[in-house]
Amino acid sequence: AGTCVRWAGSGSEENRNNTYPHKASFAQPSGLALAAEEP
């Protein structure tokens, strides 16, 4: 509790999808919306 860590994104600014979150890349992610329910 209290720890702040990276979850997804390599840190490079690009549009790169990947099944591994650390290997994916974003370009200034600015908005989030949670859809926790299935599917």
PDB file of all heavy atoms in Angstrom:
ATOM      1  N   ALA A   1       0.841  -1.197   0.000  1.00  0.00           N
ATOM      2  CA  ALA A   1       0.000   0.000   0.000  1.00  0.00           C
ATOM      3  C   ALA A   1       0.876   1.247   0.000  1.00  0.00           C
ATOM      4  O   ALA A   1       1.858   1.328   0.728  1.00  0.00           O
ATOM      5  CB  ALA A   1      -0.914  -0.007   1.223  1.00  0.00           C
ATOM      6  N   GLY A   2       0.527   2.196  -0.867  1.00  0.00           N
ATOM      7  CA  GLY A   2       1.268   3.444  -0.968  1.00  0.00           C
ATOM      8  C   GLY A   2       2.295   3.466  -2.079  1.00  0.00           C
ATOM      9  O   GLY A   2       2.805   4.528  -2.441  1.00  0.00           O
ATOM     10  N   THR A   3       2.621   2.292  -2.653  1.00  0.00           N
ATOM     11  CA  THR A   3       3.617   2.216  -3.714  1.00  0.00           C
ATOM     12  C   THR A   3       3.040   2.737  -5.020  1.00  0.00           C
ATOM     13  O   THR A   3       1.893   2.467  -5.373  1.00  0.00           O
ATOM     14  CB  THR A   3       4.080   0.762  -3.911  1.00  0.00           C
ATOM     15  OG1 THR A   3       4.510   0.222  -2.661  1.00  0.00           O
ATOM     16  CG2 THR A   3       5.220   0.681  -4.916  1.00  0.00           C
ATOM     17  N   CYS A   4       3.859   3.465  -5.778  1.00  0.00           N
ATOM     18  CA  CYS A   4       3.459   4.021  -7.074  1.00  0.00           C
ATOM     19  C   CYS A   4       4.397   3.449  -8.150  1.00  0.00           C
ATOM     20  O   CYS A   4       5.609   3.662  -8.090  1.00  0.00           O
ATOM     21  CB  CYS A   4       3.553   5.543  -7.040  1.00  0.00           C
ATOM     22  SG  CYS A   4       2.795   6.361  -8.444  1.00  0.00           S
ATOM     23  N   VAL A   5       3.840   2.676  -9.110  1.00  0.00           N
ATOM     24  CA  VAL A   5       4.669   1.976 -10.093  1.00  0.00           C
ATOM     25  C   VAL A   5       4.079   2.066 -11.490  1.00  0.00           C
ATOM     26  O   VAL A   5       2.875   2.249 -11.667  1.00  0.00           O
ATOM     27  CB  VAL A   5       4.835   0.477  -9.736  1.00  0.00           C
ATOM     28  CG1 VAL A   5       5.553   0.287  -8.423  1.00  0.00           C
ATOM     29  CG2 VAL A   5       3.487  -0.221  -9.705  1.00  0.00           C
ATOM     30  N   ARG A   6       4.949   1.888 -12.463  1.00  0.00           N
ATOM     31  CA  ARG A   6       4.504   1.767 -13.856  1.00  0.00           C
ATOM     32  C   ARG A   6       3.782   0.445 -14.040  1.00  0.00           C
ATOM     33  O   ARG A   6       4.213  -0.590 -13.542  1.00  0.00           O
ATOM     34  CB  ARG A   6       5.716   1.800 -14.785  1.00  0.00           C
ATOM     35  CG  ARG A   6       5.358   1.340 -16.212  1.00  0.00           C
ATOM     36  CD  ARG A   6       6.543   1.258 -17.119  1.00  0.00           C
ATOM     37  NE  ARG A   6       7.474   0.198 -16.791  1.00  0.00           N
ATOM     38  CZ  ARG A   6       8.186  -0.461 -17.699  1.00  0.00           C
ATOM     39  NH1 ARG A   6       8.061  -0.168 -18.981  1.00  0.00           N
ATOM     40  NH2 ARG A   6       9.035  -1.393 -17.345  1.00  0.00           N
ATOM     41  N   TRP A   7       2.679   0.481 -14.794  1.00  0.00           N
ATOM     42  CA  TRP A   7       2.015  -0.757 -15.166  1.00  0.00           C
ATOM     43  C   TRP A   7       2.205  -1.055 -16.652  1.00  0.00           C
ATOM     44  O   TRP A   7       2.601  -2.139 -17.035  1.00  0.00           O
ATOM     45  CB  TRP A   7       0.523  -0.718 -14.836  1.00  0.00           C
ATOM     46  CG  TRP A   7      -0.165  -2.002 -15.220  1.00  0.00           C
ATOM     47  CD1 TRP A   7       0.391  -3.252 -15.287  1.00  0.00           C
ATOM     48  CD2 TRP A   7      -1.518  -2.162 -15.599  1.00  0.00           C
ATOM     49  NE1 TRP A   7      -0.549  -4.191 -15.669  1.00  0.00           N
ATOM     50  CE2 TRP A   7      -1.742  -3.539 -15.865  1.00  0.00           C
ATOM     51  CE3 TRP A   7      -2.595  -1.284 -15.722  1.00  0.00           C
ATOM     52  CZ2 TRP A   7      -2.969  -4.041 -16.262  1.00  0.00           C
ATOM     53  CZ3 TRP A   7      -3.816  -1.796 -16.106  1.00  0.00           C
ATOM     54  CH2 TRP A   7      -4.000  -3.162 -16.376  1.00  0.00           C
ATOM     55  N   ALA A   8       1.948  -0.069 -17.520  1.00  0.00           N
ATOM     56  CA  ALA A   8       2.017  -0.314 -18.958  1.00  0.00           C
ATOM     57  C   ALA A   8       2.698   0.858 -19.644  1.00  0.00           C
ATOM     58  O   ALA A   8       2.592   1.996 -19.221  1.00  0.00           O
ATOM     59  CB  ALA A   8       0.618  -0.517 -19.532  1.00  0.00           C
ATOM     60  N   GLY A   9       3.385   0.534 -20.731  1.00  0.00           N
ATOM     61  CA  GLY A   9       4.056   1.559 -21.515  1.00  0.00           C
ATOM     62  C   GLY A   9       5.566   1.503 -21.342  1.00  0.00           C
ATOM     63  O   GLY A   9       6.071   1.485 -20.219  1.00  0.00           O
ATOM     64  N   SER A  10       6.281   1.481 -22.464  1.00  0.00           N
ATOM     65  CA  SER A  10       7.737   1.420 -22.427  1.00  0.00           C
ATOM     66  C   SER A  10       8.372   2.755 -22.070  1.00  0.00           C
ATOM     67  O   SER A  10       9.524   2.808 -21.647  1.00  0.00           O
ATOM     68  CB  SER A  10       8.259   0.980 -23.801  1.00  0.00           C
ATOM     69  OG  SER A  10       7.982   1.977 -24.778  1.00  0.00           O
ATOM     70  N   GLY A  11       7.623   3.838 -22.254  1.00  0.00           N
ATOM     71  CA  GLY A  11       8.166   5.180 -22.068  1.00  0.00           C
ATOM     72  C   GLY A  11       8.479   5.861 -23.378  1.00  0.00           C
ATOM     73  O   GLY A  11       8.706   7.070 -23.411  1.00  0.00           O
ATOM     74  N   SER A  12       8.478   5.104 -24.471  1.00  0.00           N
ATOM     75  CA  SER A  12       8.651   5.685 -25.799  1.00  0.00           C
ATOM     76  C   SER A  12       7.312   6.242 -26.274  1.00  0.00           C
ATOM     77  O   SER A  12       6.262   5.636 -26.032  1.00  0.00           O
ATOM     78  CB  SER A  12       9.139   4.636 -26.800  1.00  0.00           C
ATOM     79  OG  SER A  12      10.411   4.153 -26.434  1.00  0.00           O
ATOM     80  N   GLU A  13       7.341   7.374 -26.964  1.00  0.00           N
ATOM     81  CA  GLU A  13       6.104   7.981 -27.459  1.00  0.00           C
ATOM     82  C   GLU A  13       5.769   7.406 -28.828  1.00  0.00           C
ATOM     83  O   GLU A  13       6.297   7.827 -29.848  1.00  0.00           O
ATOM     84  CB  GLU A  13       6.249   9.501 -27.556  1.00  0.00           C
ATOM     85  CG  GLU A  13       4.957  10.189 -27.974  1.00  0.00           C
ATOM     86  CD  GLU A  13       5.068  11.695 -28.012  1.00  0.00           C
ATOM     87  OE1 GLU A  13       6.190  12.213 -27.851  1.00  0.00           O
ATOM     88  OE2 GLU A  13       4.042  12.348 -28.195  1.00  0.00           O
ATOM     89  N   GLU A  14       4.870   6.411 -28.832  1.00  0.00           N
ATOM     90  CA  GLU A  14       4.437   5.799 -30.084  1.00  0.00           C
ATOM     91  C   GLU A  14       3.173   4.992 -29.854  1.00  0.00           C
ATOM     92  O   GLU A  14       2.789   4.732 -28.708  1.00  0.00           O
ATOM     93  CB  GLU A  14       5.536   4.907 -30.668  1.00  0.00           C
ATOM     94  CG  GLU A  14       6.007   3.806 -29.744  1.00  0.00           C
ATOM     95  CD  GLU A  14       7.189   3.008 -30.308  1.00  0.00           C
ATOM     96  OE1 GLU A  14       7.412   3.065 -31.530  1.00  0.00           O
ATOM     97  OE2 GLU A  14       7.868   2.329 -29.535  1.00  0.00           O
ATOM     98  N   ASN A  15       2.534   4.597 -30.931  1.00  0.00           N
ATOM     99  CA  ASN A  15       1.324   3.784 -30.884  1.00  0.00           C
ATOM    100  C   ASN A  15       1.729   2.337 -31.152  1.00  0.00           C
ATOM    101  O   ASN A  15       1.818   1.915 -32.292  1.00  0.00           O
ATOM    102  CB  ASN A  15       0.333   4.297 -31.948  1.00  0.00           C
ATOM    103  CG  ASN A  15      -0.972   3.522 -31.946  1.00  0.00           C
ATOM    104  OD1 ASN A  15      -1.132   2.539 -31.236  1.00  0.00           O
ATOM    105  ND2 ASN A  15      -1.914   3.971 -32.751  1.00  0.00           N
ATOM    106  N   ARG A  16       2.018   1.592 -30.081  1.00  0.00           N
ATOM    107  CA  ARG A  16       2.483   0.209 -30.229  1.00  0.00           C
ATOM    108  C   ARG A  16       1.714  -0.681 -29.263  1.00  0.00           C
ATOM    109  O   ARG A  16       1.797  -0.530 -28.044  1.00  0.00           O
ATOM    110  CB  ARG A  16       3.979   0.109 -29.953  1.00  0.00           C
ATOM    111  CG  ARG A  16       4.550  -1.296 -30.141  1.00  0.00           C
ATOM    112  CD  ARG A  16       6.034  -1.348 -29.813  1.00  0.00           C
ATOM    113  NE  ARG A  16       6.800  -0.493 -30.692  1.00  0.00           N
ATOM    114  CZ  ARG A  16       7.240  -0.858 -31.905  1.00  0.00           C
ATOM    115  NH1 ARG A  16       6.958  -2.055 -32.367  1.00  0.00           N
ATOM    116  NH2 ARG A  16       7.947  -0.020 -32.632  1.00  0.00           N
ATOM    117  N   ASN A  17       0.970  -1.628 -29.823  1.00  0.00           N
ATOM    118  CA  ASN A  17       0.227  -2.586 -29.012  1.00  0.00           C
ATOM    119  C   ASN A  17       1.084  -3.810 -28.747  1.00  0.00           C
ATOM    120  O   ASN A  17       1.960  -4.149 -29.539  1.00  0.00           O
ATOM    121  CB  ASN A  17      -1.064  -2.990 -29.730  1.00  0.00           C
ATOM    122  CG  ASN A  17      -1.956  -1.795 -29.988  1.00  0.00           C
ATOM    123  OD1 ASN A  17      -2.205  -1.010 -29.085  1.00  0.00           O
ATOM    124  ND2 ASN A  17      -2.429  -1.652 -31.210  1.00  0.00           N
ATOM    125  N   ASN A  18       0.812  -4.470 -27.611  1.00  0.00           N
ATOM    126  CA  ASN A  18       1.584  -5.655 -27.268  1.00  0.00           C
ATOM    127  C   ASN A  18       0.841  -6.426 -26.191  1.00  0.00           C
ATOM    128  O   ASN A  18       0.124  -5.831 -25.379  1.00  0.00           O
ATOM    129  CB  ASN A  18       2.974  -5.259 -26.761  1.00  0.00           C
ATOM    130  CG  ASN A  18       3.986  -6.382 -26.897  1.00  0.00           C
ATOM    131  OD1 ASN A  18       3.909  -7.403 -26.217  1.00  0.00           O
ATOM    132  ND2 ASN A  18       4.948  -6.189 -27.793  1.00  0.00           N
ATOM    133  N   THR A  19       1.009  -7.738 -26.176  1.00  0.00           N
ATOM    134  CA  THR A  19       0.385  -8.546 -25.128  1.00  0.00           C
ATOM    135  C   THR A  19       1.101  -8.369 -23.792  1.00  0.00           C
ATOM    136  O   THR A  19       0.542  -8.712 -22.752  1.00  0.00           O
ATOM    137  CB  THR A  19       0.373 -10.032 -25.512  1.00  0.00           C
ATOM    138  OG1 THR A  19       1.708 -10.444 -25.809  1.00  0.00           O
ATOM    139  CG2 THR A  19      -0.514 -10.271 -26.725  1.00  0.00           C
ATOM    140  N   TYR A  20       2.335  -7.862 -23.827  1.00  0.00           N
ATOM    141  CA  TYR A  20       3.067  -7.569 -22.599  1.00  0.00           C
ATOM    142  C   TYR A  20       2.986  -6.067 -22.325  1.00  0.00           C
ATOM    143  O   TYR A  20       3.435  -5.272 -23.155  1.00  0.00           O
ATOM    144  CB  TYR A  20       4.525  -8.017 -22.715  1.00  0.00           C
ATOM    145  CG  TYR A  20       4.676  -9.509 -22.740  1.00  0.00           C
ATOM    146  CD1 TYR A  20       4.648 -10.209 -23.942  1.00  0.00           C
ATOM    147  CD2 TYR A  20       4.826 -10.228 -21.561  1.00  0.00           C
ATOM    148  CE1 TYR A  20       4.762 -11.586 -23.966  1.00  0.00           C
ATOM    149  CE2 TYR A  20       4.958 -11.606 -21.578  1.00  0.00           C
ATOM    150  CZ  TYR A  20       4.922 -12.281 -22.780  1.00  0.00           C
ATOM    151  OH  TYR A  20       5.037 -13.647 -22.790  1.00  0.00           O
ATOM    152  N   PRO A  21       2.431  -5.665 -21.188  1.00  0.00           N
ATOM    153  CA  PRO A  21       2.180  -4.236 -20.954  1.00  0.00           C
ATOM    154  C   PRO A  21       3.425  -3.363 -20.993  1.00  0.00           C
ATOM    155  O   PRO A  21       3.360  -2.217 -21.455  1.00  0.00           O
ATOM    156  CB  PRO A  21       1.509  -4.212 -19.571  1.00  0.00           C
ATOM    157  CG  PRO A  21       1.855  -5.515 -18.932  1.00  0.00           C
ATOM    158  CD  PRO A  21       2.010  -6.496 -20.044  1.00  0.00           C
ATOM    159  N   HIS A  22       4.580  -3.856 -20.526  1.00  0.00           N
ATOM    160  CA  HIS A  22       5.792  -3.034 -20.522  1.00  0.00           C
ATOM    161  C   HIS A  22       6.377  -2.841 -21.915  1.00  0.00           C
ATOM    162  O   HIS A  22       7.183  -1.932 -22.127  1.00  0.00           O
ATOM    163  CB  HIS A  22       6.852  -3.649 -19.604  1.00  0.00           C
ATOM    164  CG  HIS A  22       6.537  -3.496 -18.159  1.00  0.00           C
ATOM    165  ND1 HIS A  22       7.375  -3.926 -17.168  1.00  0.00           N
ATOM    166  CD2 HIS A  22       5.470  -2.949 -17.514  1.00  0.00           C
ATOM    167  CE1 HIS A  22       6.849  -3.659 -15.976  1.00  0.00           C
ATOM    168  NE2 HIS A  22       5.683  -3.077 -16.178  1.00  0.00           N
ATOM    169  N   LYS A  23       5.976  -3.678 -22.872  1.00  0.00           N
ATOM    170  CA  LYS A  23       6.490  -3.554 -24.233  1.00  0.00           C
ATOM    171  C   LYS A  23       5.583  -2.732 -25.137  1.00  0.00           C
ATOM    172  O   LYS A  23       5.969  -2.365 -26.243  1.00  0.00           O
ATOM    173  CB  LYS A  23       6.708  -4.946 -24.841  1.00  0.00           C
ATOM    174  CG  LYS A  23       7.823  -5.715 -24.159  1.00  0.00           C
ATOM    175  CD  LYS A  23       8.077  -7.047 -24.838  1.00  0.00           C
ATOM    176  CE  LYS A  23       9.225  -7.781 -24.158  1.00  0.00           C
ATOM    177  NZ  LYS A  23       9.497  -9.088 -24.813  1.00  0.00           N
ATOM    178  N   ALA A  24       4.381  -2.442 -24.669  1.00  0.00           N
ATOM    179  CA  ALA A  24       3.482  -1.563 -25.421  1.00  0.00           C
ATOM    180  C   ALA A  24       3.954  -0.121 -25.266  1.00  0.00           C
ATOM    181  O   ALA A  24       4.746   0.192 -24.374  1.00  0.00           O
ATOM    182  CB  ALA A  24       2.058  -1.713 -24.901  1.00  0.00           C
ATOM    183  N   SER A  25       3.472   0.755 -26.142  1.00  0.00           N
ATOM    184  CA  SER A  25       3.830   2.168 -26.057  1.00  0.00           C
ATOM    185  C   SER A  25       2.598   3.028 -26.281  1.00  0.00           C
ATOM    186  O   SER A  25       1.732   2.687 -27.090  1.00  0.00           O
ATOM    187  CB  SER A  25       4.894   2.530 -27.094  1.00  0.00           C
ATOM    188  OG  SER A  25       6.076   1.802 -26.878  1.00  0.00           O
ATOM    189  N   PHE A  26       2.545   4.139 -25.574  1.00  0.00           N
ATOM    190  CA  PHE A  26       1.466   5.113 -25.706  1.00  0.00           C
ATOM    191  C   PHE A  26       2.056   6.435 -26.182  1.00  0.00           C
ATOM    192  O   PHE A  26       3.268   6.619 -26.215  1.00  0.00           O
ATOM    193  CB  PHE A  26       0.756   5.304 -24.367  1.00  0.00           C
ATOM    194  CG  PHE A  26       0.066   4.071 -23.849  1.00  0.00           C
ATOM    195  CD1 PHE A  26       0.729   3.174 -23.026  1.00  0.00           C
ATOM    196  CD2 PHE A  26      -1.247   3.793 -24.190  1.00  0.00           C
ATOM    197  CE1 PHE A  26       0.109   2.032 -22.543  1.00  0.00           C
ATOM    198  CE2 PHE A  26      -1.886   2.653 -23.723  1.00  0.00           C
ATOM    199  CZ  PHE A  26      -1.206   1.779 -22.894  1.00  0.00           C
ATOM    200  N   ALA A  27       1.166   7.363 -26.537  1.00  0.00           N
ATOM    201  CA  ALA A  27       1.581   8.694 -26.959  1.00  0.00           C
ATOM    202  C   ALA A  27       0.708   9.709 -26.220  1.00  0.00           C
ATOM    203  O   ALA A  27      -0.376  10.058 -26.669  1.00  0.00           O
ATOM    204  CB  ALA A  27       1.470   8.855 -28.470  1.00  0.00           C
ATOM    205  N   GLN A  28       1.173  10.117 -25.067  1.00  0.00           N
ATOM    206  CA  GLN A  28       0.459  11.047 -24.185  1.00  0.00           C
ATOM    207  C   GLN A  28      -0.942  10.554 -23.813  1.00  0.00           C
ATOM    208  O   GLN A  28      -1.952  11.164 -24.180  1.00  0.00           O
ATOM    209  CB  GLN A  28       0.397  12.441 -24.799  1.00  0.00           C
ATOM    210  CG  GLN A  28       1.744  13.106 -24.917  1.00  0.00           C
ATOM    211  CD  GLN A  28       1.665  14.530 -25.413  1.00  0.00           C
ATOM    212  OE1 GLN A  28       0.647  15.198 -25.295  1.00  0.00           O
ATOM    213  NE2 GLN A  28       2.758  15.005 -25.962  1.00  0.00           N
ATOM    214  N   PRO A  29      -1.047   9.433 -23.102  1.00  0.00           N
ATOM    215  CA  PRO A  29      -2.361   8.992 -22.636  1.00  0.00           C
ATOM    216  C   PRO A  29      -2.971  10.057 -21.738  1.00  0.00           C
ATOM    217  O   PRO A  29      -2.330  10.525 -20.799  1.00  0.00           O
ATOM    218  CB  PRO A  29      -2.058   7.699 -21.872  1.00  0.00           C
ATOM    219  CG  PRO A  29      -0.619   7.809 -21.484  1.00  0.00           C
ATOM    220  CD  PRO A  29       0.044   8.582 -22.575  1.00  0.00           C
ATOM    221  N   SER A  30      -4.212  10.436 -22.041  1.00  0.00           N
ATOM    222  CA  SER A  30      -4.804  11.597 -21.374  1.00  0.00           C
ATOM    223  C   SER A  30      -6.114  11.316 -20.662  1.00  0.00           C
ATOM    224  O   SER A  30      -6.536  12.114 -19.839  1.00  0.00           O
ATOM    225  CB  SER A  30      -5.023  12.712 -22.401  1.00  0.00           C
ATOM    226  OG  SER A  30      -3.807  13.094 -22.994  1.00  0.00           O
ATOM    227  N   GLY A  31      -6.788  10.227 -20.979  1.00  0.00           N
ATOM    228  CA  GLY A  31      -8.063   9.928 -20.337  1.00  0.00           C
ATOM    229  C   GLY A  31      -8.197   8.455 -20.056  1.00  0.00           C
ATOM    230  O   GLY A  31      -7.727   7.622 -20.834  1.00  0.00           O
ATOM    231  N   LEU A  32      -8.838   8.116 -18.937  1.00  0.00           N
ATOM    232  CA  LEU A  32      -9.054   6.732 -18.540  1.00  0.00           C
ATOM    233  C   LEU A  32     -10.519   6.492 -18.209  1.00  0.00           C
ATOM    234  O   LEU A  32     -11.174   7.361 -17.631  1.00  0.00           O
ATOM    235  CB  LEU A  32      -8.221   6.391 -17.301  1.00  0.00           C
ATOM    236  CG  LEU A  32      -6.705   6.488 -17.394  1.00  0.00           C
ATOM    237  CD1 LEU A  32      -6.088   6.241 -16.019  1.00  0.00           C
ATOM    238  CD2 LEU A  32      -6.151   5.522 -18.426  1.00  0.00           C
ATOM    239  N   ALA A  33     -11.008   5.316 -18.560  1.00  0.00           N
ATOM    240  CA  ALA A  33     -12.345   4.879 -18.145  1.00  0.00           C
ATOM    241  C   ALA A  33     -12.266   3.401 -17.835  1.00  0.00           C
ATOM    242  O   ALA A  33     -11.740   2.611 -18.637  1.00  0.00           O
ATOM    243  CB  ALA A  33     -13.373   5.140 -19.239  1.00  0.00           C
ATOM    244  N   LEU A  34     -12.770   3.017 -16.682  1.00  0.00           N
ATOM    245  CA  LEU A  34     -12.707   1.626 -16.244  1.00  0.00           C
ATOM    246  C   LEU A  34     -13.965   0.879 -16.640  1.00  0.00           C
ATOM    247  O   LEU A  34     -15.080   1.330 -16.370  1.00  0.00           O
ATOM    248  CB  LEU A  34     -12.529   1.573 -14.726  1.00  0.00           C
ATOM    249  CG  LEU A  34     -12.458   0.180 -14.107  1.00  0.00           C
ATOM    250  CD1 LEU A  34     -11.179  -0.526 -14.540  1.00  0.00           C
ATOM    251  CD2 LEU A  34     -12.522   0.272 -12.589  1.00  0.00           C
ATOM    252  N   ALA A  35     -13.790  -0.285 -17.285  1.00  0.00           N
ATOM    253  CA  ALA A  35     -14.883  -1.220 -17.557  1.00  0.00           C
ATOM    254  C   ALA A  35     -14.475  -2.538 -16.919  1.00  0.00           C
ATOM    255  O   ALA A  35     -13.940  -3.431 -17.586  1.00  0.00           O
ATOM    256  CB  ALA A  35     -15.108  -1.367 -19.054  1.00  0.00           C
ATOM    257  N   ALA A  36     -14.678  -2.650 -15.620  1.00  0.00           N
ATOM    258  CA  ALA A  36     -14.171  -3.792 -14.858  1.00  0.00           C
ATOM    259  C   ALA A  36     -14.949  -5.071 -15.117  1.00  0.00           C
ATOM    260  O   ALA A  36     -14.429  -6.166 -14.927  1.00  0.00           O
ATOM    261  CB  ALA A  36     -14.195  -3.464 -13.368  1.00  0.00           C
ATOM    262  N   GLU A  37     -16.192  -4.949 -15.561  1.00  0.00           N
ATOM    263  CA  GLU A  37     -17.055  -6.112 -15.721  1.00  0.00           C
ATOM    264  C   GLU A  37     -16.719  -6.882 -16.997  1.00  0.00           C
ATOM    265  O   GLU A  37     -16.160  -6.341 -17.940  1.00  0.00           O
ATOM    266  CB  GLU A  37     -18.532  -5.677 -15.738  1.00  0.00           C
ATOM    267  CG  GLU A  37     -18.926  -4.796 -16.909  1.00  0.00           C
ATOM    268  CD  GLU A  37     -18.580  -3.318 -16.728  1.00  0.00           C
ATOM    269  OE1 GLU A  37     -17.964  -2.947 -15.711  1.00  0.00           O
ATOM    270  OE2 GLU A  37     -18.918  -2.540 -17.636  1.00  0.00           O
ATOM    271  N   GLU A  38     -17.085  -8.185 -16.980  1.00  0.00           N
ATOM    272  CA  GLU A  38     -16.944  -9.012 -18.173  1.00  0.00           C
ATOM    273  C   GLU A  38     -18.036  -8.626 -19.178  1.00  0.00           C
ATOM    274  O   GLU A  38     -19.102  -8.179 -18.776  1.00  0.00           O
ATOM    275  CB  GLU A  38     -17.079 -10.501 -17.800  1.00  0.00           C
ATOM    276  CG  GLU A  38     -15.959 -11.016 -16.918  1.00  0.00           C
ATOM    277  CD  GLU A  38     -14.617 -11.106 -17.629  1.00  0.00           C
ATOM    278  OE1 GLU A  38     -14.604 -10.997 -18.875  1.00  0.00           O
ATOM    279  OE2 GLU A  38     -13.602 -11.279 -16.949  1.00  0.00           O
ATOM    280  N   PRO A  39     -17.805  -8.739 -20.476  1.00  0.00           N
ATOM    281  CA  PRO A  39     -16.624  -9.338 -21.095  1.00  0.00           C
ATOM    282  C   PRO A  39     -15.483  -8.345 -21.331  1.00  0.00           C
ATOM    283  O   PRO A  39     -14.471  -8.711 -21.912  1.00  0.00           O
ATOM    284  CB  PRO A  39     -17.168  -9.837 -22.440  1.00  0.00           C
ATOM    285  CG  PRO A  39     -18.204  -8.821 -22.792  1.00  0.00           C
ATOM    286  CD  PRO A  39     -18.835  -8.423 -21.479  1.00  0.00           C
TER     287      PRO A  39
END
